[in-house]
Amino acid sequence: MVRLLKTTQVEGNTDFLQKLQPRQVARYLVDDSFVRNALQQVGGPKAFGLPNNLSRIETIKF
């Protein structure tokens, strides 16, 4: 999202967007610790058929 915002036409001063780092923004905005703790209490991701690292691949067809 941050990468896209850097090239999107937006009204006003957007200089601050150029200074943002996508990974750092994601860390600030997303706190998955609650979900990870809850998963561990019920047997981990595998209890739901999920990989331990909780990664996924999404494919979008146009």
PDB file of N, CA and C in Angstrom:
ATOM      1  N   MET A   1       0.827  -1.179   0.000  1.00  0.00           N
ATOM      2  CA  MET A   1       0.000   0.000   0.000  1.00  0.00           C
ATOM      3  C   MET A   1       0.880   1.255   0.000  1.00  0.00           C
ATOM      4  N   VAL A   2       1.907   1.243   0.831  1.00  0.00           N
ATOM      5  CA  VAL A   2       2.790   2.408   0.912  1.00  0.00           C
ATOM      6  C   VAL A   2       3.487   2.637  -0.419  1.00  0.00           C
ATOM      7  N   ARG A   3       3.927   1.549  -1.058  1.00  0.00           N
ATOM      8  CA  ARG A   3       4.583   1.691  -2.364  1.00  0.00           C
ATOM      9  C   ARG A   3       3.643   2.324  -3.377  1.00  0.00           C
ATOM     10  N   LEU A   4       2.392   1.911  -3.362  1.00  0.00           N
ATOM     11  CA  LEU A   4       1.408   2.462  -4.302  1.00  0.00           C
ATOM     12  C   LEU A   4       1.096   3.924  -3.993  1.00  0.00           C
ATOM     13  N   LEU A   5       1.010   4.267  -2.725  1.00  0.00           N
ATOM     14  CA  LEU A   5       0.723   5.658  -2.355  1.00  0.00           C
ATOM     15  C   LEU A   5       1.813   6.616  -2.838  1.00  0.00           C
ATOM     16  N   LYS A   6       3.040   6.120  -2.908  1.00  0.00           N
ATOM     17  CA  LYS A   6       4.146   6.976  -3.347  1.00  0.00           C
ATOM     18  C   LYS A   6       3.986   7.430  -4.792  1.00  0.00           C
ATOM     19  N   THR A   7       3.222   6.666  -5.587  1.00  0.00           N
ATOM     20  CA  THR A   7       3.045   7.019  -7.001  1.00  0.00           C
ATOM     21  C   THR A   7       1.608   7.428  -7.331  1.00  0.00           C
ATOM     22  N   THR A   8       0.778   7.573  -6.311  1.00  0.00           N
ATOM     23  CA  THR A   8      -0.616   7.965  -6.514  1.00  0.00           C
ATOM     24  C   THR A   8      -0.753   9.477  -6.402  1.00  0.00           C
ATOM     25  N   GLN A   9      -1.523  10.069  -7.301  1.00  0.00           N
ATOM     26  CA  GLN A   9      -1.749  11.509  -7.231  1.00  0.00           C
ATOM     27  C   GLN A   9      -2.681  11.799  -6.057  1.00  0.00           C
ATOM     28  N   VAL A  10      -2.191  12.611  -5.127  1.00  0.00           N
ATOM     29  CA  VAL A  10      -2.936  12.955  -3.918  1.00  0.00           C
ATOM     30  C   VAL A  10      -2.871  14.464  -3.735  1.00  0.00           C
ATOM     31  N   GLU A  11      -3.969  15.066  -3.303  1.00  0.00           N
ATOM     32  CA  GLU A  11      -3.991  16.513  -3.033  1.00  0.00           C
ATOM     33  C   GLU A  11      -3.129  16.832  -1.818  1.00  0.00           C
ATOM     34  N   GLY A  12      -2.488  17.955  -1.841  1.00  0.00           N
ATOM     35  CA  GLY A  12      -1.725  18.418  -0.682  1.00  0.00           C
ATOM     36  C   GLY A  12      -0.281  17.958  -0.717  1.00  0.00           C
ATOM     37  N   ASN A  13       0.418  18.254   0.355  1.00  0.00           N
ATOM     38  CA  ASN A  13       1.832  17.934   0.476  1.00  0.00           C
ATOM     39  C   ASN A  13       1.996  16.457   0.835  1.00  0.00           C
ATOM     40  N   THR A  14       2.643  15.714  -0.038  1.00  0.00           N
ATOM     41  CA  THR A  14       2.836  14.279   0.190  1.00  0.00           C
ATOM     42  C   THR A  14       4.311  13.915   0.371  1.00  0.00           C
ATOM     43  N   ASP A  15       5.140  14.904   0.683  1.00  0.00           N
ATOM     44  CA  ASP A  15       6.573  14.636   0.855  1.00  0.00           C
ATOM     45  C   ASP A  15       6.824  13.543   1.889  1.00  0.00           C
ATOM     46  N   PHE A  16       5.999  13.493   2.929  1.00  0.00           N
ATOM     47  CA  PHE A  16       6.196  12.508   3.993  1.00  0.00           C
ATOM     48  C   PHE A  16       6.078  11.073   3.473  1.00  0.00           C
ATOM     49  N   LEU A  17       5.298  10.872   2.411  1.00  0.00           N
ATOM     50  CA  LEU A  17       5.131   9.526   1.863  1.00  0.00           C
ATOM     51  C   LEU A  17       6.449   8.957   1.353  1.00  0.00           C
ATOM     52  N   GLN A  18       7.284   9.812   0.789  1.00  0.00           N
ATOM     53  CA  GLN A  18       8.555   9.343   0.232  1.00  0.00           C
ATOM     54  C   GLN A  18       9.484   8.813   1.316  1.00  0.00           C
ATOM     55  N   LYS A  19       9.290   9.257   2.547  1.00  0.00           N
ATOM     56  CA  LYS A  19      10.154   8.838   3.661  1.00  0.00           C
ATOM     57  C   LYS A  19       9.684   7.540   4.316  1.00  0.00           C
ATOM     58  N   LEU A  20       8.461   7.108   4.031  1.00  0.00           N
ATOM     59  CA  LEU A  20       7.916   5.913   4.671  1.00  0.00           C
ATOM     60  C   LEU A  20       8.551   4.639   4.125  1.00  0.00           C
ATOM     61  N   GLN A  21       8.797   3.684   5.015  1.00  0.00           N
ATOM     62  CA  GLN A  21       9.309   2.369   4.644  1.00  0.00           C
ATOM     63  C   GLN A  21       8.174   1.357   4.810  1.00  0.00           C
ATOM     64  N   PRO A  22       7.776   0.647   3.739  1.00  0.00           N
ATOM     65  CA  PRO A  22       6.629  -0.257   3.799  1.00  0.00           C
ATOM     66  C   PRO A  22       6.657  -1.260   4.958  1.00  0.00           C
ATOM     67  N   ARG A  23       7.780  -1.899   5.198  1.00  0.00           N
ATOM     68  CA  ARG A  23       7.851  -2.895   6.282  1.00  0.00           C
ATOM     69  C   ARG A  23       7.652  -2.259   7.651  1.00  0.00           C
ATOM     70  N   GLN A  24       8.229  -1.092   7.832  1.00  0.00           N
ATOM     71  CA  GLN A  24       8.087  -0.405   9.118  1.00  0.00           C
ATOM     72  C   GLN A  24       6.631   0.018   9.341  1.00  0.00           C
ATOM     73  N   VAL A  25       5.980   0.515   8.307  1.00  0.00           N
ATOM     74  CA  VAL A  25       4.575   0.914   8.416  1.00  0.00           C
ATOM     75  C   VAL A  25       3.724  -0.300   8.779  1.00  0.00           C
ATOM     76  N   ALA A  26       3.973  -1.431   8.134  1.00  0.00           N
ATOM     77  CA  ALA A  26       3.203  -2.650   8.423  1.00  0.00           C
ATOM     78  C   ALA A  26       3.382  -3.074   9.874  1.00  0.00           C
ATOM     79  N   ARG A  27       4.608  -2.991  10.384  1.00  0.00           N
ATOM     80  CA  ARG A  27       4.846  -3.365  11.789  1.00  0.00           C
ATOM     81  C   ARG A  27       4.082  -2.453  12.736  1.00  0.00           C
ATOM     82  N   TYR A  28       4.003  -1.177  12.414  1.00  0.00           N
ATOM     83  CA  TYR A  28       3.282  -0.228  13.270  1.00  0.00           C
ATOM     84  C   TYR A  28       1.771  -0.436  13.221  1.00  0.00           C
ATOM     85  N   LEU A  29       1.251  -0.821  12.069  1.00  0.00           N
ATOM     86  CA  LEU A  29      -0.199  -0.907  11.887  1.00  0.00           C
ATOM     87  C   LEU A  29      -0.805  -2.271  12.203  1.00  0.00           C
ATOM     88  N   VAL A  30       0.000  -3.326  12.128  1.00  0.00           N
ATOM     89  CA  VAL A  30      -0.536  -4.675  12.295  1.00  0.00           C
ATOM     90  C   VAL A  30       0.054  -5.322  13.541  1.00  0.00           C
ATOM     91  N   ASP A  31      -0.803  -5.667  14.481  1.00  0.00           N
ATOM     92  CA  ASP A  31      -0.377  -6.384  15.680  1.00  0.00           C
ATOM     93  C   ASP A  31      -1.082  -7.730  15.682  1.00  0.00           C
ATOM     94  N   ASP A  32      -0.371  -8.756  15.242  1.00  0.00           N
ATOM     95  CA  ASP A  32      -0.979 -10.085  15.170  1.00  0.00           C
ATOM     96  C   ASP A  32      -0.696 -10.926  16.408  1.00  0.00           C
ATOM     97  N   SER A  33      -0.132 -10.318  17.449  1.00  0.00           N
ATOM     98  CA  SER A  33       0.222 -11.081  18.650  1.00  0.00           C
ATOM     99  C   SER A  33      -1.003 -11.700  19.312  1.00  0.00           C
ATOM    100  N   PHE A  34      -2.142 -11.023  19.265  1.00  0.00           N
ATOM    101  CA  PHE A  34      -3.358 -11.566  19.877  1.00  0.00           C
ATOM    102  C   PHE A  34      -3.791 -12.851  19.169  1.00  0.00           C
ATOM    103  N   VAL A  35      -3.740 -12.828  17.848  1.00  0.00           N
ATOM    104  CA  VAL A  35      -4.124 -14.004  17.065  1.00  0.00           C
ATOM    105  C   VAL A  35      -3.126 -15.130  17.281  1.00  0.00           C
ATOM    106  N   ARG A  36      -1.851 -14.812  17.257  1.00  0.00           N
ATOM    107  CA  ARG A  36      -0.825 -15.846  17.449  1.00  0.00           C
ATOM    108  C   ARG A  36      -0.945 -16.494  18.830  1.00  0.00           C
ATOM    109  N   ASN A  37      -1.181 -15.692  19.859  1.00  0.00           N
ATOM    110  CA  ASN A  37      -1.347 -16.242  21.211  1.00  0.00           C
ATOM    111  C   ASN A  37      -2.579 -17.132  21.291  1.00  0.00           C
ATOM    112  N   ALA A  38      -3.676 -16.705  20.708  1.00  0.00           N
ATOM    113  CA  ALA A  38      -4.903 -17.502  20.720  1.00  0.00           C
ATOM    114  C   ALA A  38      -4.700 -18.822  19.975  1.00  0.00           C
ATOM    115  N   LEU A  39      -4.007 -18.776  18.848  1.00  0.00           N
ATOM    116  CA  LEU A  39      -3.736 -20.001  18.096  1.00  0.00           C
ATOM    117  C   LEU A  39      -2.923 -20.990  18.922  1.00  0.00           C
ATOM    118  N   GLN A  40      -1.915 -20.497  19.627  1.00  0.00           N
ATOM    119  CA  GLN A  40      -1.078 -21.379  20.438  1.00  0.00           C
ATOM    120  C   GLN A  40      -1.884 -22.059  21.539  1.00  0.00           C
ATOM    121  N   GLN A  41      -2.875 -21.387  22.059  1.00  0.00           N
ATOM    122  CA  GLN A  41      -3.693 -21.946  23.139  1.00  0.00           C
ATOM    123  C   GLN A  41      -4.575 -23.101  22.674  1.00  0.00           C
ATOM    124  N   VAL A  42      -4.829 -23.196  21.384  1.00  0.00           N
ATOM    125  CA  VAL A  42      -5.690 -24.272  20.871  1.00  0.00           C
ATOM    126  C   VAL A  42      -4.934 -25.272  19.994  1.00  0.00           C
ATOM    127  N   GLY A  43      -3.614 -25.280  20.098  1.00  0.00           N
ATOM    128  CA  GLY A  43      -2.839 -26.271  19.356  1.00  0.00           C
ATOM    129  C   GLY A  43      -2.052 -25.738  18.186  1.00  0.00           C
ATOM    130  N   GLY A  44      -1.997 -24.451  18.037  1.00  0.00           N
ATOM    131  CA  GLY A  44      -1.205 -23.854  16.967  1.00  0.00           C
ATOM    132  C   GLY A  44      -1.937 -23.830  15.636  1.00  0.00           C
ATOM    133  N   PRO A  45      -1.301 -23.253  14.629  1.00  0.00           N
ATOM    134  CA  PRO A  45      -1.913 -23.120  13.309  1.00  0.00           C
ATOM    135  C   PRO A  45      -2.348 -24.455  12.700  1.00  0.00           C
ATOM    136  N   LYS A  46      -1.593 -25.522  12.995  1.00  0.00           N
ATOM    137  CA  LYS A  46      -1.927 -26.830  12.398  1.00  0.00           C
ATOM    138  C   LYS A  46      -3.296 -27.331  12.842  1.00  0.00           C
ATOM    139  N   ALA A  47      -3.797 -26.863  13.996  1.00  0.00           N
ATOM    140  CA  ALA A  47      -5.134 -27.264  14.454  1.00  0.00           C
ATOM    141  C   ALA A  47      -6.208 -26.819  13.463  1.00  0.00           C
ATOM    142  N   PHE A  48      -5.865 -25.836  12.633  1.00  0.00           N
ATOM    143  CA  PHE A  48      -6.806 -25.318  11.637  1.00  0.00           C
ATOM    144  C   PHE A  48      -6.352 -25.621  10.210  1.00  0.00           C
ATOM    145  N   GLY A  49      -5.350 -26.500  10.102  1.00  0.00           N
ATOM    146  CA  GLY A  49      -4.848 -26.858   8.780  1.00  0.00           C
ATOM    147  C   GLY A  49      -3.984 -25.779   8.150  1.00  0.00           C
ATOM    148  N   LEU A  50      -3.421 -24.916   8.976  1.00  0.00           N
ATOM    149  CA  LEU A  50      -2.583 -23.822   8.481  1.00  0.00           C
ATOM    150  C   LEU A  50      -1.112 -24.160   8.669  1.00  0.00           C
ATOM    151  N   PRO A  51      -0.230 -23.612   7.823  1.00  0.00           N
ATOM    152  CA  PRO A  51       1.202 -23.830   8.013  1.00  0.00           C
ATOM    153  C   PRO A  51       1.687 -23.105   9.273  1.00  0.00           C
ATOM    154  N   ASN A  52       2.720 -23.657   9.910  1.00  0.00           N
ATOM    155  CA  ASN A  52       3.239 -23.058  11.148  1.00  0.00           C
ATOM    156  C   ASN A  52       3.657 -21.604  10.986  1.00  0.00           C
ATOM    157  N   ASN A  53       4.178 -21.238   9.809  1.00  0.00           N
ATOM    158  CA  ASN A  53       4.640 -19.861   9.613  1.00  0.00           C
ATOM    159  C   ASN A  53       3.505 -18.924   9.198  1.00  0.00           C
ATOM    160  N   LEU A  54       2.299 -19.471   9.052  1.00  0.00           N
ATOM    161  CA  LEU A  54       1.106 -18.694   8.697  1.00  0.00           C
ATOM    162  C   LEU A  54       1.246 -17.919   7.384  1.00  0.00           C
ATOM    163  N   SER A  55       2.087 -18.425   6.488  1.00  0.00           N
ATOM    164  CA  SER A  55       2.233 -17.748   5.195  1.00  0.00           C
ATOM    165  C   SER A  55       1.215 -18.311   4.213  1.00  0.00           C
ATOM    166  N   ARG A  56       0.947 -17.549   3.179  1.00  0.00           N
ATOM    167  CA  ARG A  56       0.029 -17.991   2.143  1.00  0.00           C
ATOM    168  C   ARG A  56       0.423 -17.343   0.827  1.00  0.00           C
ATOM    169  N   ILE A  57      -0.080 -17.916  -0.230  1.00  0.00           N
ATOM    170  CA  ILE A  57       0.140 -17.367  -1.567  1.00  0.00           C
ATOM    171  C   ILE A  57      -1.226 -17.043  -2.145  1.00  0.00           C
ATOM    172  N   GLU A  58      -1.379 -15.842  -2.632  1.00  0.00           N
ATOM    173  CA  GLU A  58      -2.633 -15.431  -3.252  1.00  0.00           C
ATOM    174  C   GLU A  58      -2.411 -15.255  -4.744  1.00  0.00           C
ATOM    175  N   THR A  59      -3.308 -15.799  -5.527  1.00  0.00           N
ATOM    176  CA  THR A  59      -3.233 -15.682  -6.977  1.00  0.00           C
ATOM    177  C   THR A  59      -4.450 -14.911  -7.456  1.00  0.00           C
ATOM    178  N   ILE A  60      -4.205 -13.889  -8.235  1.00  0.00           N
ATOM    179  CA  ILE A  60      -5.284 -13.070  -8.777  1.00  0.00           C
ATOM    180  C   ILE A  60      -5.238 -13.181 -10.294  1.00  0.00           C
ATOM    181  N   LYS A  61      -6.352 -13.568 -10.883  1.00  0.00           N
ATOM    182  CA  LYS A  61      -6.425 -13.663 -12.344  1.00  0.00           C
ATOM    183  C   LYS A  61      -7.145 -12.444 -12.884  1.00  0.00           C
ATOM    184  N   PHE A  62      -6.608 -11.916 -13.959  1.00  0.00           N
ATOM    185  CA  PHE A  62      -7.232 -10.768 -14.617  1.00  0.00           C
ATOM    186  C   PHE A  62      -7.897 -11.212 -15.881  1.00  0.00           C
TER     187      PHE A  62
END
